[in-house]
């Protein structure tokens, strides 16, 4: 093979792999100009690392570690045709779940079953509607709404609520989008839970820490008015906000105030909120863990007091 021909082939291979997070198929290698013998030699030398049958990681391009999204891209390519990362892997790609990836990659595949593939959990559908298909960084993936439908029966209800709230916060879905995806899929495990969640009075609450989770559960147990969570108030994000009562709650977690600087920053932040007429309640992890009933009483009394005192309605708050 002439040198300029080899350079041209290498350029085509690199172009394929760069668009696909370092992943390339045998078919693409042959299309670029490789022979079958060349492919086999590179596999033996480690320059091509098999991920699935006929799907490789281009070792020289990406180094010893798989690049982000390579697993999902490789699984989609291995399934061929119209295939989309889905379920938990779809939720990870959209940033709706924050957990370790399973050993197998979940992929939704149109058409007939082509047999099992190690490392891939294939979910077969006759047709995936165009509205349920999307891309994330070039990786074919089910839409955010379809992804929520698919994980509804596979994760704990609170995790599903978190994922729904995250999708709304990122403006990836509306409740109507999720209902439409439910209707397109038809009967599905987890559909009743998701419908109840969407139709409930409270919006799904987005929280970011175990301490915030505990306080939210406490608020619900005490049947207090539903707060907004992790919202912006005049450029400052607060953990919990009751806009009508103009009350905010800040939850101090396990490693709260690790430095004097963070302590002083929070005090300046509190001063800005108080200047807006907001009443600030701070709750510590120890209080939530050791004396939750006392926290609930204090919060209930604060909400009742501010309502009785006729504190102004509304507020400069918006969801983030």
C-alpha atoms as a PDB file:
ATOM      1  CA  UNK A   1       0.000   0.000   0.000  1.00  0.00           C
ATOM      2  CA  UNK A   2       1.361   3.431  -0.938  1.00  0.00           C
ATOM      3  CA  UNK A   3       2.127   5.882   1.835  1.00  0.00           C
ATOM      4  CA  UNK A   4      -0.427   8.461   0.704  1.00  0.00           C
ATOM      5  CA  UNK A   5      -3.074   5.734   0.439  1.00  0.00           C
ATOM      6  CA  UNK A   6      -2.290   4.583   3.987  1.00  0.00           C
ATOM      7  CA  UNK A   7      -2.539   8.154   5.250  1.00  0.00           C
ATOM      8  CA  UNK A   8      -5.897   8.575   3.545  1.00  0.00           C
ATOM      9  CA  UNK A   9      -7.217   5.369   5.117  1.00  0.00           C
ATOM     10  CA  UNK A  10      -5.981   6.360   8.577  1.00  0.00           C
ATOM     11  CA  UNK A  11      -7.663   9.727   8.182  1.00  0.00           C
ATOM     12  CA  UNK A  12     -10.994   8.103   7.331  1.00  0.00           C
ATOM     13  CA  UNK A  13     -10.712   5.741  10.297  1.00  0.00           C
ATOM     14  CA  UNK A  14      -9.900   8.616  12.660  1.00  0.00           C
ATOM     15  CA  UNK A  15     -12.858  10.596  11.308  1.00  0.00           C
ATOM     16  CA  UNK A  16     -15.254   7.711  11.978  1.00  0.00           C
ATOM     17  CA  UNK A  17     -13.905   7.184  15.485  1.00  0.00           C
ATOM     18  CA  UNK A  18     -13.837  10.860  16.442  1.00  0.00           C
ATOM     19  CA  UNK A  19     -17.550  11.172  15.612  1.00  0.00           C
ATOM     20  CA  UNK A  20     -18.319   8.037  17.617  1.00  0.00           C
ATOM     21  CA  UNK A  21     -16.426   8.600  20.876  1.00  0.00           C
ATOM     22  CA  UNK A  22     -13.481   6.467  19.787  1.00  0.00           C
ATOM     23  CA  UNK A  23     -15.651   3.562  18.587  1.00  0.00           C
ATOM     24  CA  UNK A  24     -15.665   2.065  15.097  1.00  0.00           C
ATOM     25  CA  UNK A  25     -17.256  -0.967  13.440  1.00  0.00           C
ATOM     26  CA  UNK A  26     -15.642  -3.591  11.223  1.00  0.00           C
ATOM     27  CA  UNK A  27     -17.882  -2.430   8.397  1.00  0.00           C
ATOM     28  CA  UNK A  28     -16.613   1.128   8.742  1.00  0.00           C
ATOM     29  CA  UNK A  29     -13.007  -0.064   8.801  1.00  0.00           C
ATOM     30  CA  UNK A  30     -13.557  -1.978   5.562  1.00  0.00           C
ATOM     31  CA  UNK A  31     -15.344   1.030   4.074  1.00  0.00           C
ATOM     32  CA  UNK A  32     -12.330   3.203   4.941  1.00  0.00           C
ATOM     33  CA  UNK A  33     -10.025   0.861   3.009  1.00  0.00           C
ATOM     34  CA  UNK A  34      -8.857  -1.731   5.553  1.00  0.00           C
ATOM     35  CA  UNK A  35      -8.696  -5.351   4.529  1.00  0.00           C
ATOM     36  CA  UNK A  36      -9.961  -8.092   6.845  1.00  0.00           C
ATOM     37  CA  UNK A  37      -6.351  -9.104   7.474  1.00  0.00           C
ATOM     38  CA  UNK A  38      -5.454  -5.541   8.487  1.00  0.00           C
ATOM     39  CA  UNK A  39      -8.330  -5.458  10.955  1.00  0.00           C
ATOM     40  CA  UNK A  40      -7.289  -8.791  12.485  1.00  0.00           C
ATOM     41  CA  UNK A  41      -3.651  -7.673  12.811  1.00  0.00           C
ATOM     42  CA  UNK A  42      -4.674  -4.499  14.644  1.00  0.00           C
ATOM     43  CA  UNK A  43      -6.878  -6.454  16.994  1.00  0.00           C
ATOM     44  CA  UNK A  44      -3.967  -8.775  17.825  1.00  0.00           C
ATOM     45  CA  UNK A  45      -1.626  -5.831  18.385  1.00  0.00           C
ATOM     46  CA  UNK A  46      -4.101  -4.037  20.660  1.00  0.00           C
ATOM     47  CA  UNK A  47      -4.577  -1.045  18.392  1.00  0.00           C
ATOM     48  CA  UNK A  48      -8.197  -2.108  18.030  1.00  0.00           C
ATOM     49  CA  UNK A  49      -9.887  -3.308  21.226  1.00  0.00           C
ATOM     50  CA  UNK A  50     -13.026  -5.417  20.756  1.00  0.00           C
ATOM     51  CA  UNK A  51     -16.032  -4.140  22.705  1.00  0.00           C
ATOM     52  CA  UNK A  52     -18.676  -6.256  20.956  1.00  0.00           C
ATOM     53  CA  UNK A  53     -18.637  -8.522  17.958  1.00  0.00           C
ATOM     54  CA  UNK A  54     -17.534  -6.339  15.050  1.00  0.00           C
ATOM     55  CA  UNK A  55     -17.257  -3.191  17.209  1.00  0.00           C
ATOM     56  CA  UNK A  56     -13.915  -1.838  18.413  1.00  0.00           C
ATOM     57  CA  UNK A  57     -12.373   0.926  20.451  1.00  0.00           C
ATOM     58  CA  UNK A  58      -9.625   2.702  18.544  1.00  0.00           C
ATOM     59  CA  UNK A  59      -6.825   2.292  21.093  1.00  0.00           C
ATOM     60  CA  UNK A  60      -4.315   4.625  19.494  1.00  0.00           C
ATOM     61  CA  UNK A  61      -6.880   7.415  19.492  1.00  0.00           C
ATOM     62  CA  UNK A  62      -8.231   7.227  23.038  1.00  0.00           C
ATOM     63  CA  UNK A  63      -5.477   5.733  25.189  1.00  0.00           C
ATOM     64  CA  UNK A  64      -5.960   3.148  27.942  1.00  0.00           C
ATOM     65  CA  UNK A  65      -9.384   4.319  29.179  1.00  0.00           C
ATOM     66  CA  UNK A  66     -12.714   4.267  27.392  1.00  0.00           C
ATOM     67  CA  UNK A  67     -13.907   7.790  26.591  1.00  0.00           C
ATOM     68  CA  UNK A  68     -17.173   9.013  28.044  1.00  0.00           C
ATOM     69  CA  UNK A  69     -20.181   7.655  26.113  1.00  0.00           C
ATOM     70  CA  UNK A  70     -18.101   4.984  24.356  1.00  0.00           C
ATOM     71  CA  UNK A  71     -20.005   2.115  26.042  1.00  0.00           C
ATOM     72  CA  UNK A  72     -23.386   3.404  24.918  1.00  0.00           C
ATOM     73  CA  UNK A  73     -22.163   4.184  21.410  1.00  0.00           C
ATOM     74  CA  UNK A  74     -20.565   0.753  21.051  1.00  0.00           C
ATOM     75  CA  UNK A  75     -23.742  -1.021  22.198  1.00  0.00           C
ATOM     76  CA  UNK A  76     -25.890   0.965  19.770  1.00  0.00           C
ATOM     77  CA  UNK A  77     -23.546   0.204  16.875  1.00  0.00           C
ATOM     78  CA  UNK A  78     -23.417  -3.476  17.818  1.00  0.00           C
ATOM     79  CA  UNK A  79     -27.207  -3.733  17.582  1.00  0.00           C
ATOM     80  CA  UNK A  80     -27.266  -2.256  14.091  1.00  0.00           C
ATOM     81  CA  UNK A  81     -30.222  -0.653  12.328  1.00  0.00           C
ATOM     82  CA  UNK A  82     -32.332   1.689  14.428  1.00  0.00           C
ATOM     83  CA  UNK A  83     -30.971   1.245  17.925  1.00  0.00           C
ATOM     84  CA  UNK A  84     -30.966   3.721  20.795  1.00  0.00           C
ATOM     85  CA  UNK A  85     -29.372   3.810  24.231  1.00  0.00           C
ATOM     86  CA  UNK A  86     -32.304   3.660  26.629  1.00  0.00           C
ATOM     87  CA  UNK A  87     -33.638   2.986  30.113  1.00  0.00           C
ATOM     88  CA  UNK A  88     -30.962   3.629  32.778  1.00  0.00           C
ATOM     89  CA  UNK A  89     -28.310   4.338  30.146  1.00  0.00           C
ATOM     90  CA  UNK A  90     -30.586   6.834  28.439  1.00  0.00           C
ATOM     91  CA  UNK A  91     -31.206   8.519  31.787  1.00  0.00           C
ATOM     92  CA  UNK A  92     -27.455   8.686  32.427  1.00  0.00           C
ATOM     93  CA  UNK A  93     -26.830  10.259  29.023  1.00  0.00           C
ATOM     94  CA  UNK A  94     -29.492  12.899  29.678  1.00  0.00           C
ATOM     95  CA  UNK A  95     -28.109  13.517  33.171  1.00  0.00           C
ATOM     96  CA  UNK A  96     -31.327  12.390  34.875  1.00  0.00           C
ATOM     97  CA  UNK A  97     -29.700   9.695  36.999  1.00  0.00           C
ATOM     98  CA  UNK A  98     -26.425   9.904  38.887  1.00  0.00           C
ATOM     99  CA  UNK A  99     -25.495   6.288  39.584  1.00  0.00           C
ATOM    100  CA  UNK A 100     -22.828   3.850  38.486  1.00  0.00           C
ATOM    101  CA  UNK A 101     -23.465   2.203  35.145  1.00  0.00           C
ATOM    102  CA  UNK A 102     -24.642  -1.409  35.136  1.00  0.00           C
ATOM    103  CA  UNK A 103     -22.480  -4.115  33.600  1.00  0.00           C
ATOM    104  CA  UNK A 104     -24.900  -4.298  30.650  1.00  0.00           C
ATOM    105  CA  UNK A 105     -25.913  -1.390  28.432  1.00  0.00           C
ATOM    106  CA  UNK A 106     -29.648  -0.996  27.833  1.00  0.00           C
ATOM    107  CA  UNK A 107     -30.559  -0.455  24.182  1.00  0.00           C
ATOM    108  CA  UNK A 108     -33.983  -0.142  22.546  1.00  0.00           C
ATOM    109  CA  UNK A 109     -33.912  -1.786  19.114  1.00  0.00           C
ATOM    110  CA  UNK A 110     -36.447  -1.706  16.320  1.00  0.00           C
ATOM    111  CA  UNK A 111     -37.340  -4.828  14.392  1.00  0.00           C
ATOM    112  CA  UNK A 112     -36.692  -8.532  14.743  1.00  0.00           C
ATOM    113  CA  UNK A 113     -34.487 -10.089  17.389  1.00  0.00           C
ATOM    114  CA  UNK A 114     -30.998 -10.760  16.042  1.00  0.00           C
ATOM    115  CA  UNK A 115     -29.901 -12.790  19.021  1.00  0.00           C
ATOM    116  CA  UNK A 116     -28.285 -12.057  22.350  1.00  0.00           C
ATOM    117  CA  UNK A 117     -25.151  -9.963  22.648  1.00  0.00           C
ATOM    118  CA  UNK A 118     -23.029 -10.206  25.790  1.00  0.00           C
ATOM    119  CA  UNK A 119     -22.977  -6.925  27.676  1.00  0.00           C
ATOM    120  CA  UNK A 120     -26.130  -5.576  26.018  1.00  0.00           C
ATOM    121  CA  UNK A 121     -29.683  -5.701  27.363  1.00  0.00           C
ATOM    122  CA  UNK A 122     -31.800  -5.251  24.242  1.00  0.00           C
ATOM    123  CA  UNK A 123     -35.410  -4.057  24.506  1.00  0.00           C
ATOM    124  CA  UNK A 124     -37.271  -4.885  21.290  1.00  0.00           C
ATOM    125  CA  UNK A 125     -39.944  -2.657  19.786  1.00  0.00           C
ATOM    126  CA  UNK A 126     -41.739  -2.933  16.470  1.00  0.00           C
ATOM    127  CA  UNK A 127     -41.321   0.794  15.765  1.00  0.00           C
ATOM    128  CA  UNK A 128     -39.932   3.621  17.895  1.00  0.00           C
ATOM    129  CA  UNK A 129     -41.846   6.820  17.116  1.00  0.00           C
ATOM    130  CA  UNK A 130     -39.811   9.717  15.797  1.00  0.00           C
ATOM    131  CA  UNK A 131     -40.833  11.760  18.852  1.00  0.00           C
ATOM    132  CA  UNK A 132     -39.224   9.124  21.095  1.00  0.00           C
ATOM    133  CA  UNK A 133     -35.833   9.181  19.341  1.00  0.00           C
ATOM    134  CA  UNK A 134     -33.058  11.715  19.904  1.00  0.00           C
ATOM    135  CA  UNK A 135     -29.271  12.119  20.161  1.00  0.00           C
ATOM    136  CA  UNK A 136     -26.883  13.137  22.932  1.00  0.00           C
ATOM    137  CA  UNK A 137     -23.402  14.078  21.695  1.00  0.00           C
ATOM    138  CA  UNK A 138     -23.956  11.968  18.604  1.00  0.00           C
ATOM    139  CA  UNK A 139     -25.163   8.897  20.515  1.00  0.00           C
ATOM    140  CA  UNK A 140     -28.650   7.749  19.437  1.00  0.00           C
ATOM    141  CA  UNK A 141     -30.797   7.720  22.579  1.00  0.00           C
ATOM    142  CA  UNK A 142     -34.454   7.603  23.509  1.00  0.00           C
ATOM    143  CA  UNK A 143     -36.007  11.005  24.148  1.00  0.00           C
ATOM    144  CA  UNK A 144     -36.095  12.310  27.720  1.00  0.00           C
ATOM    145  CA  UNK A 145     -39.830  11.653  27.960  1.00  0.00           C
ATOM    146  CA  UNK A 146     -39.555   8.087  26.633  1.00  0.00           C
ATOM    147  CA  UNK A 147     -36.583   7.485  28.930  1.00  0.00           C
ATOM    148  CA  UNK A 148     -38.664   8.470  31.962  1.00  0.00           C
ATOM    149  CA  UNK A 149     -41.401   6.088  30.837  1.00  0.00           C
ATOM    150  CA  UNK A 150     -38.879   3.264  30.427  1.00  0.00           C
ATOM    151  CA  UNK A 151     -37.312   3.657  33.869  1.00  0.00           C
ATOM    152  CA  UNK A 152     -40.614   4.170  35.711  1.00  0.00           C
ATOM    153  CA  UNK A 153     -40.825   0.545  36.874  1.00  0.00           C
ATOM    154  CA  UNK A 154     -37.077   0.027  37.211  1.00  0.00           C
ATOM    155  CA  UNK A 155     -36.140   2.591  39.866  1.00  0.00           C
ATOM    156  CA  UNK A 156     -37.505   3.536  43.269  1.00  0.00           C
ATOM    157  CA  UNK A 157     -40.430   6.013  43.190  1.00  0.00           C
ATOM    158  CA  UNK A 158     -38.356   8.767  44.800  1.00  0.00           C
ATOM    159  CA  UNK A 159     -35.570   8.238  42.244  1.00  0.00           C
ATOM    160  CA  UNK A 160     -38.157   8.496  39.461  1.00  0.00           C
ATOM    161  CA  UNK A 161     -39.485  11.702  41.000  1.00  0.00           C
ATOM    162  CA  UNK A 162     -35.951  13.092  41.128  1.00  0.00           C
ATOM    163  CA  UNK A 163     -35.370  12.168  37.469  1.00  0.00           C
ATOM    164  CA  UNK A 164     -38.646  13.797  36.444  1.00  0.00           C
ATOM    165  CA  UNK A 165     -37.816  16.938  38.385  1.00  0.00           C
ATOM    166  CA  UNK A 166     -34.321  17.060  36.865  1.00  0.00           C
ATOM    167  CA  UNK A 167     -35.762  16.720  33.367  1.00  0.00           C
ATOM    168  CA  UNK A 168     -38.168  19.590  34.055  1.00  0.00           C
ATOM    169  CA  UNK A 169     -35.426  21.713  35.616  1.00  0.00           C
ATOM    170  CA  UNK A 170     -33.289  21.244  32.498  1.00  0.00           C
ATOM    171  CA  UNK A 171     -36.333  22.040  30.332  1.00  0.00           C
ATOM    172  CA  UNK A 172     -36.014  18.668  28.606  1.00  0.00           C
ATOM    173  CA  UNK A 173     -39.664  17.709  29.159  1.00  0.00           C
ATOM    174  CA  UNK A 174     -43.046  19.012  30.169  1.00  0.00           C
ATOM    175  CA  UNK A 175     -45.663  16.870  31.918  1.00  0.00           C
ATOM    176  CA  UNK A 176     -47.533  16.798  28.594  1.00  0.00           C
ATOM    177  CA  UNK A 177     -44.461  15.341  26.851  1.00  0.00           C
ATOM    178  CA  UNK A 178     -44.300  12.478  29.354  1.00  0.00           C
ATOM    179  CA  UNK A 179     -48.040  11.771  29.082  1.00  0.00           C
ATOM    180  CA  UNK A 180     -47.735  11.670  25.295  1.00  0.00           C
ATOM    181  CA  UNK A 181     -44.807   9.243  25.528  1.00  0.00           C
ATOM    182  CA  UNK A 182     -46.860   7.076  27.899  1.00  0.00           C
ATOM    183  CA  UNK A 183     -49.726   7.028  25.431  1.00  0.00           C
ATOM    184  CA  UNK A 184     -47.446   6.090  22.542  1.00  0.00           C
ATOM    185  CA  UNK A 185     -45.907   3.203  24.437  1.00  0.00           C
ATOM    186  CA  UNK A 186     -49.256   1.876  25.610  1.00  0.00           C
ATOM    187  CA  UNK A 187     -49.296  -0.596  28.456  1.00  0.00           C
ATOM    188  CA  UNK A 188     -46.097  -0.344  30.456  1.00  0.00           C
ATOM    189  CA  UNK A 189     -45.021  -1.309  33.934  1.00  0.00           C
ATOM    190  CA  UNK A 190     -44.660   1.796  36.040  1.00  0.00           C
ATOM    191  CA  UNK A 191     -47.121   3.788  33.920  1.00  0.00           C
ATOM    192  CA  UNK A 192     -49.718   4.177  36.739  1.00  0.00           C
ATOM    193  CA  UNK A 193     -47.055   5.537  39.104  1.00  0.00           C
ATOM    194  CA  UNK A 194     -45.786   8.003  36.527  1.00  0.00           C
ATOM    195  CA  UNK A 195     -49.313   9.161  35.696  1.00  0.00           C
ATOM    196  CA  UNK A 196     -50.113   9.689  39.379  1.00  0.00           C
ATOM    197  CA  UNK A 197     -46.900  11.639  39.777  1.00  0.00           C
ATOM    198  CA  UNK A 198     -47.733  13.910  36.846  1.00  0.00           C
ATOM    199  CA  UNK A 199     -51.348  14.456  37.864  1.00  0.00           C
ATOM    200  CA  UNK A 200     -50.539  15.039  41.543  1.00  0.00           C
ATOM    201  CA  UNK A 201     -50.954  18.521  42.965  1.00  0.00           C
ATOM    202  CA  UNK A 202     -47.286  18.836  43.871  1.00  0.00           C
ATOM    203  CA  UNK A 203     -44.615  19.196  41.220  1.00  0.00           C
ATOM    204  CA  UNK A 204     -41.781  16.657  41.412  1.00  0.00           C
ATOM    205  CA  UNK A 205     -39.205  18.035  43.815  1.00  0.00           C
ATOM    206  CA  UNK A 206     -35.569  18.282  42.819  1.00  0.00           C
ATOM    207  CA  UNK A 207     -33.101  17.896  45.687  1.00  0.00           C
ATOM    208  CA  UNK A 208     -29.368  17.322  45.770  1.00  0.00           C
ATOM    209  CA  UNK A 209     -28.472  15.845  49.118  1.00  0.00           C
ATOM    210  CA  UNK A 210     -29.518  13.217  51.618  1.00  0.00           C
ATOM    211  CA  UNK A 211     -30.235  15.943  54.149  1.00  0.00           C
ATOM    212  CA  UNK A 212     -32.564  17.730  51.728  1.00  0.00           C
ATOM    213  CA  UNK A 213     -34.267  14.410  50.969  1.00  0.00           C
ATOM    214  CA  UNK A 214     -34.940  13.919  54.669  1.00  0.00           C
ATOM    215  CA  UNK A 215     -36.397  17.370  55.113  1.00  0.00           C
ATOM    216  CA  UNK A 216     -38.644  16.957  52.068  1.00  0.00           C
ATOM    217  CA  UNK A 217     -39.918  13.643  53.445  1.00  0.00           C
ATOM    218  CA  UNK A 218     -40.527  15.337  56.807  1.00  0.00           C
ATOM    219  CA  UNK A 219     -42.498  18.154  55.166  1.00  0.00           C
ATOM    220  CA  UNK A 220     -44.665  15.613  53.381  1.00  0.00           C
ATOM    221  CA  UNK A 221     -45.189  13.537  56.533  1.00  0.00           C
ATOM    222  CA  UNK A 222     -46.325  16.654  58.385  1.00  0.00           C
ATOM    223  CA  UNK A 223     -48.615  17.591  55.469  1.00  0.00           C
ATOM    224  CA  UNK A 224     -47.161  21.072  55.302  1.00  0.00           C
ATOM    225  CA  UNK A 225     -47.634  23.143  52.148  1.00  0.00           C
ATOM    226  CA  UNK A 226     -45.451  21.861  49.305  1.00  0.00           C
ATOM    227  CA  UNK A 227     -42.284  23.942  48.900  1.00  0.00           C
ATOM    228  CA  UNK A 228     -40.358  24.800  45.782  1.00  0.00           C
ATOM    229  CA  UNK A 229     -36.908  23.217  45.885  1.00  0.00           C
ATOM    230  CA  UNK A 230     -33.526  24.458  44.664  1.00  0.00           C
ATOM    231  CA  UNK A 231     -34.860  27.655  43.157  1.00  0.00           C
ATOM    232  CA  UNK A 232     -33.332  31.029  42.376  1.00  0.00           C
ATOM    233  CA  UNK A 233     -34.376  34.047  44.437  1.00  0.00           C
ATOM    234  CA  UNK A 234     -32.892  37.265  43.077  1.00  0.00           C
ATOM    235  CA  UNK A 235     -29.812  35.448  41.840  1.00  0.00           C
ATOM    236  CA  UNK A 236     -29.353  33.335  44.977  1.00  0.00           C
ATOM    237  CA  UNK A 237     -30.276  29.643  45.035  1.00  0.00           C
ATOM    238  CA  UNK A 238     -32.169  28.434  48.098  1.00  0.00           C
ATOM    239  CA  UNK A 239     -32.831  24.835  49.152  1.00  0.00           C
ATOM    240  CA  UNK A 240     -36.536  25.212  49.987  1.00  0.00           C
ATOM    241  CA  UNK A 241     -38.883  28.114  49.359  1.00  0.00           C
ATOM    242  CA  UNK A 242     -42.470  28.807  50.368  1.00  0.00           C
ATOM    243  CA  UNK A 243     -43.078  31.891  48.192  1.00  0.00           C
ATOM    244  CA  UNK A 244     -46.510  32.803  49.609  1.00  0.00           C
ATOM    245  CA  UNK A 245     -45.237  32.694  53.181  1.00  0.00           C
ATOM    246  CA  UNK A 246     -41.858  34.115  52.109  1.00  0.00           C
ATOM    247  CA  UNK A 247     -39.996  31.472  54.091  1.00  0.00           C
ATOM    248  CA  UNK A 248     -36.801  29.732  53.025  1.00  0.00           C
ATOM    249  CA  UNK A 249     -35.105  26.733  54.585  1.00  0.00           C
ATOM    250  CA  UNK A 250     -31.406  26.048  54.173  1.00  0.00           C
ATOM    251  CA  UNK A 251     -30.281  22.513  54.940  1.00  0.00           C
ATOM    252  CA  UNK A 252     -26.768  22.190  56.353  1.00  0.00           C
ATOM    253  CA  UNK A 253     -25.380  18.784  55.423  1.00  0.00           C
ATOM    254  CA  UNK A 254     -22.733  16.433  56.816  1.00  0.00           C
ATOM    255  CA  UNK A 255     -19.679  18.605  56.137  1.00  0.00           C
ATOM    256  CA  UNK A 256     -21.355  21.959  56.543  1.00  0.00           C
ATOM    257  CA  UNK A 257     -19.140  24.992  57.184  1.00  0.00           C
ATOM    258  CA  UNK A 258     -15.870  23.278  56.457  1.00  0.00           C
ATOM    259  CA  UNK A 259     -14.164  26.649  56.527  1.00  0.00           C
ATOM    260  CA  UNK A 260     -14.578  30.129  57.966  1.00  0.00           C
ATOM    261  CA  UNK A 261     -14.921  31.478  54.430  1.00  0.00           C
ATOM    262  CA  UNK A 262     -17.960  29.288  53.681  1.00  0.00           C
ATOM    263  CA  UNK A 263     -19.510  30.328  57.000  1.00  0.00           C
ATOM    264  CA  UNK A 264     -19.081  34.021  56.184  1.00  0.00           C
ATOM    265  CA  UNK A 265     -20.317  33.568  52.608  1.00  0.00           C
ATOM    266  CA  UNK A 266     -23.506  31.970  53.894  1.00  0.00           C
ATOM    267  CA  UNK A 267     -24.065  34.793  56.362  1.00  0.00           C
ATOM    268  CA  UNK A 268     -23.724  37.359  53.559  1.00  0.00           C
ATOM    269  CA  UNK A 269     -26.138  35.268  51.511  1.00  0.00           C
ATOM    270  CA  UNK A 270     -28.632  35.192  54.398  1.00  0.00           C
ATOM    271  CA  UNK A 271     -28.382  38.951  54.732  1.00  0.00           C
ATOM    272  CA  UNK A 272     -29.271  39.402  51.033  1.00  0.00           C
ATOM    273  CA  UNK A 273     -32.332  37.178  51.420  1.00  0.00           C
ATOM    274  CA  UNK A 274     -33.459  38.921  54.614  1.00  0.00           C
ATOM    275  CA  UNK A 275     -33.194  42.259  52.818  1.00  0.00           C
ATOM    276  CA  UNK A 276     -35.811  40.912  50.396  1.00  0.00           C
ATOM    277  CA  UNK A 277     -38.167  40.248  53.278  1.00  0.00           C
ATOM    278  CA  UNK A 278     -37.587  36.509  53.467  1.00  0.00           C
ATOM    279  CA  UNK A 279     -37.543  34.623  56.768  1.00  0.00           C
ATOM    280  CA  UNK A 280     -34.672  32.098  56.839  1.00  0.00           C
ATOM    281  CA  UNK A 281     -34.737  28.827  58.751  1.00  0.00           C
ATOM    282  CA  UNK A 282     -31.530  26.819  58.978  1.00  0.00           C
ATOM    283  CA  UNK A 283     -31.722  23.097  59.698  1.00  0.00           C
ATOM    284  CA  UNK A 284     -28.694  20.919  60.432  1.00  0.00           C
ATOM    285  CA  UNK A 285     -28.100  17.290  59.604  1.00  0.00           C
ATOM    286  CA  UNK A 286     -27.936  16.463  63.329  1.00  0.00           C
ATOM    287  CA  UNK A 287     -31.343  18.046  63.915  1.00  0.00           C
ATOM    288  CA  UNK A 288     -32.897  16.102  61.035  1.00  0.00           C
ATOM    289  CA  UNK A 289     -31.345  12.884  62.268  1.00  0.00           C
ATOM    290  CA  UNK A 290     -31.827  13.240  66.046  1.00  0.00           C
ATOM    291  CA  UNK A 291     -34.882  15.433  66.483  1.00  0.00           C
ATOM    292  CA  UNK A 292     -36.999  15.438  63.301  1.00  0.00           C
ATOM    293  CA  UNK A 293     -40.253  16.130  65.165  1.00  0.00           C
ATOM    294  CA  UNK A 294     -38.786  19.286  66.674  1.00  0.00           C
ATOM    295  CA  UNK A 295     -37.712  20.424  63.197  1.00  0.00           C
ATOM    296  CA  UNK A 296     -41.204  19.791  61.874  1.00  0.00           C
ATOM    297  CA  UNK A 297     -42.834  21.773  64.702  1.00  0.00           C
ATOM    298  CA  UNK A 298     -40.431  24.692  64.247  1.00  0.00           C
ATOM    299  CA  UNK A 299     -41.057  24.821  60.513  1.00  0.00           C
ATOM    300  CA  UNK A 300     -44.824  24.523  60.915  1.00  0.00           C
ATOM    301  CA  UNK A 301     -44.831  27.332  63.482  1.00  0.00           C
ATOM    302  CA  UNK A 302     -42.766  29.542  61.174  1.00  0.00           C
ATOM    303  CA  UNK A 303     -45.132  28.976  58.245  1.00  0.00           C
ATOM    304  CA  UNK A 304     -48.195  29.621  60.430  1.00  0.00           C
ATOM    305  CA  UNK A 305     -46.637  32.743  61.973  1.00  0.00           C
ATOM    306  CA  UNK A 306     -45.720  34.303  58.646  1.00  0.00           C
ATOM    307  CA  UNK A 307     -49.203  33.578  57.249  1.00  0.00           C
ATOM    308  CA  UNK A 308     -50.898  35.037  60.319  1.00  0.00           C
ATOM    309  CA  UNK A 309     -48.621  38.073  60.237  1.00  0.00           C
ATOM    310  CA  UNK A 310     -49.781  38.826  56.707  1.00  0.00           C
ATOM    311  CA  UNK A 311     -46.348  38.589  55.102  1.00  0.00           C
ATOM    312  CA  UNK A 312     -46.526  39.693  51.463  1.00  0.00           C
ATOM    313  CA  UNK A 313     -47.507  37.189  48.797  1.00  0.00           C
ATOM    314  CA  UNK A 314     -45.542  36.129  45.734  1.00  0.00           C
ATOM    315  CA  UNK A 315     -41.779  36.482  45.517  1.00  0.00           C
ATOM    316  CA  UNK A 316     -39.003  36.827  42.997  1.00  0.00           C
ATOM    317  CA  UNK A 317     -38.474  33.106  42.579  1.00  0.00           C
ATOM    318  CA  UNK A 318     -38.077  30.876  39.589  1.00  0.00           C
ATOM    319  CA  UNK A 319     -37.115  27.256  39.101  1.00  0.00           C
ATOM    320  CA  UNK A 320     -33.574  26.532  37.973  1.00  0.00           C
END
